[in-house]
Protein backbone atom coordinates (compact mmCIF):
# COMPACT_ATOMS: atom_id res chain seq x y z
CA UNK A 1 11.97 -25.18 20.80
CA UNK A 2 15.37 -24.52 19.35
CA UNK A 3 14.38 -22.36 16.38
CA UNK A 4 11.47 -20.06 15.68
CA UNK A 5 8.56 -21.29 13.58
CA UNK A 6 9.35 -19.07 10.56
CA UNK A 7 12.87 -20.51 10.49
CA UNK A 8 11.60 -24.11 10.74
CA UNK A 9 9.12 -23.59 7.92
CA UNK A 10 11.62 -21.75 5.74
CA UNK A 11 14.03 -24.65 6.21
CA UNK A 12 11.20 -27.07 5.36
CA UNK A 13 10.49 -25.01 2.25
CA UNK A 14 14.14 -25.09 1.17
CA UNK A 15 14.41 -28.81 1.94
CA UNK A 16 11.30 -29.78 0.00
CA UNK A 17 12.35 -27.49 -2.86
CA UNK A 18 15.76 -29.17 -3.01
CA UNK A 19 14.15 -32.62 -3.08
CA UNK A 20 11.78 -31.39 -5.82
CA UNK A 21 14.75 -30.32 -7.96
CA UNK A 22 16.36 -33.70 -7.27
CA UNK A 23 13.19 -35.49 -8.36
CA UNK A 24 13.05 -33.45 -11.57
CA UNK A 25 16.63 -34.63 -12.17
CA UNK A 26 15.40 -38.21 -11.63
CA UNK A 27 12.59 -37.75 -14.15
CA UNK A 28 14.93 -36.22 -16.74
CA UNK A 29 17.51 -38.98 -16.28
CA UNK A 30 14.90 -41.73 -16.52
CA UNK A 31 13.40 -40.16 -19.64
CA UNK A 32 16.90 -39.96 -21.15
CA UNK A 33 17.24 -43.69 -20.52
CA UNK A 34 13.85 -44.30 -22.09
CA UNK A 35 14.86 -42.38 -25.22
CA UNK A 36 18.26 -44.14 -25.36
CA UNK A 37 20.31 -41.00 -24.74
CA UNK A 38 21.92 -42.78 -21.76
CA UNK A 39 22.74 -46.40 -21.25
CA UNK A 40 21.39 -48.25 -18.22
CA UNK A 41 24.72 -48.28 -16.37
CA UNK A 42 25.13 -44.50 -16.58
CA UNK A 43 21.54 -43.81 -15.62
CA UNK A 44 21.51 -46.13 -12.62
CA UNK A 45 24.85 -44.94 -11.30
CA UNK A 46 23.66 -41.32 -11.50
CA UNK A 47 20.39 -42.05 -9.70
CA UNK A 48 21.62 -44.45 -7.00
CA UNK A 49 23.96 -41.78 -5.64
CA UNK A 50 20.99 -39.61 -4.66
CA UNK A 51 18.78 -42.22 -2.95
CA UNK A 52 20.24 -41.91 0.54
CA UNK A 53 20.50 -38.07 0.52
CA UNK A 54 16.81 -37.94 -0.40
CA UNK A 55 15.91 -40.16 2.56
CA UNK A 56 18.23 -38.29 4.93
CA UNK A 57 16.74 -34.92 3.94
CA UNK A 58 13.23 -36.24 4.52
CA UNK A 59 14.06 -37.83 7.89
CA UNK A 60 15.89 -34.72 9.06
CA UNK A 61 12.92 -32.54 8.17
CA UNK A 62 10.55 -34.94 9.89
CA UNK A 63 12.66 -34.96 13.07
CA UNK A 64 12.83 -31.15 13.01
CA UNK A 65 9.04 -30.99 12.79
CA UNK A 66 8.77 -33.49 15.65
CA UNK A 67 11.21 -31.50 17.76
CA UNK A 68 9.21 -28.31 17.29
CA UNK A 69 5.85 -29.90 18.01
CA UNK A 70 4.26 -29.77 14.58
CA UNK A 71 2.59 -33.14 15.06
CA UNK A 72 0.20 -33.06 12.12
CA UNK A 73 2.92 -32.26 9.60
CA UNK A 74 5.20 -34.87 11.13
CA UNK A 75 2.47 -37.52 11.00
CA UNK A 76 1.71 -36.61 7.40
CA UNK A 77 5.37 -37.22 6.53
CA UNK A 78 5.53 -40.70 8.09
CA UNK A 79 4.09 -42.58 5.05
CA UNK A 80 6.70 -41.10 2.70
CA UNK A 81 9.51 -41.87 5.14
CA UNK A 82 8.28 -45.43 5.49
CA UNK A 83 7.99 -45.83 1.72
CA UNK A 84 11.49 -44.45 1.07
CA UNK A 85 12.95 -46.76 3.73
CA UNK A 86 11.00 -49.73 2.32
CA UNK A 87 12.24 -48.93 -1.16
CA UNK A 88 15.84 -49.08 0.06
CA UNK A 89 15.33 -52.19 2.20
CA UNK A 90 13.61 -54.22 -0.53
CA UNK A 91 16.63 -54.07 -2.85
CA UNK A 92 17.62 -57.69 -3.52
CA UNK A 93 21.13 -58.86 -2.70
CA UNK A 94 23.41 -58.56 -5.69
CA UNK A 95 21.71 -55.46 -7.10
CA UNK A 96 23.67 -52.23 -7.25
CA UNK A 97 20.89 -50.23 -5.63
CA UNK A 98 17.29 -49.21 -6.08
CA UNK A 99 18.04 -48.60 -9.74
CA UNK A 100 19.81 -51.69 -11.11
CA UNK A 101 21.09 -51.59 -14.70
CA UNK A 102 20.44 -55.27 -15.37
CA UNK A 103 16.80 -55.12 -14.27
CA UNK A 104 15.68 -51.62 -15.25
CA UNK A 105 14.42 -52.71 -18.67
CA UNK A 106 12.91 -55.99 -17.43
CA UNK A 107 9.29 -56.36 -16.28
CA UNK A 108 8.42 -52.71 -16.77
CA UNK A 109 10.82 -51.43 -14.10
CA UNK A 110 11.49 -48.24 -16.02
CA UNK A 111 7.80 -47.34 -16.16
CA UNK A 112 7.44 -48.20 -12.46
CA UNK A 113 10.38 -45.97 -11.53
CA UNK A 114 8.99 -43.16 -13.68
CA UNK A 115 5.56 -43.53 -12.05
CA UNK A 116 7.11 -43.51 -8.56
CA UNK A 117 9.08 -40.35 -9.38
CA UNK A 118 5.92 -38.61 -10.55
CA UNK A 119 4.13 -39.60 -7.33
CA UNK A 120 7.07 -38.23 -5.32
CA UNK A 121 6.94 -34.98 -7.31
CA UNK A 122 3.24 -34.60 -6.56
CA UNK A 123 3.78 -35.34 -2.87
CA UNK A 124 6.65 -32.88 -2.49
CA UNK A 125 4.82 -30.20 -4.50
CA UNK A 126 1.85 -30.51 -2.15
CA UNK A 127 4.06 -30.25 0.91
CA UNK A 128 6.06 -27.40 -0.63
CA UNK A 129 2.90 -25.30 -0.76
CA UNK A 130 1.80 -26.45 2.70
CA UNK A 131 5.17 -25.36 4.13
CA UNK A 132 4.91 -22.08 2.23
CA UNK A 133 1.47 -21.46 3.74
CA UNK A 134 2.71 -22.36 7.23
CA UNK A 135 5.70 -20.06 6.86
CA UNK A 136 3.52 -17.13 5.80
CA UNK A 137 1.11 -17.74 8.68
CA UNK A 138 3.95 -18.01 11.20
CA UNK A 139 5.50 -14.79 9.87
CA UNK A 140 2.18 -13.01 10.22
CA UNK A 141 1.73 -14.27 13.79
CA UNK A 142 5.05 -12.81 14.88
CA UNK A 143 5.42 -9.08 14.71
CA UNK A 144 8.54 -8.59 12.62
CA UNK A 145 8.57 -4.82 13.14
CA UNK A 146 8.69 -3.98 16.81
CA UNK A 147 7.50 -0.42 17.25
CA UNK A 148 7.70 1.57 20.40
CA UNK A 149 4.75 3.86 20.82
CA UNK A 150 6.46 5.57 23.78
CA UNK A 151 8.79 7.64 21.59
CA UNK A 152 5.99 9.39 19.73
CA UNK A 153 3.84 10.41 22.66
CA UNK A 154 3.22 14.12 23.10
């Protein structure tokens, strides 16, 4: 183990919180497109920039959990990692990214992207509170205040 458990879980908490804020940005941007405050080109260029950082943050967190032996949490993160990788790999040739401005209004793509973002928000909210619980438990296991009883003996 490279880091202590409280540090690993606090990093997991920060990482999942950052991805949550990013997903809220996705939802706001997609809703701006739906209400015609943004055009499709602006919306898709804003969102496609953040696809890879979202995957990298998730994979890094999963590898950190694997490295520290938190197998259950790592296994619970595998479906989301697989889905994020699948989402990137299924982009057809010629498209600009996961969010393509020429196809976002066709065949209900906008509603599908909005639904996917809401599922991601629910997933990361759940894991945010799981990491918070794990961090609190790991802090309570360790004794943060080391007291010496030898100094106060009479």
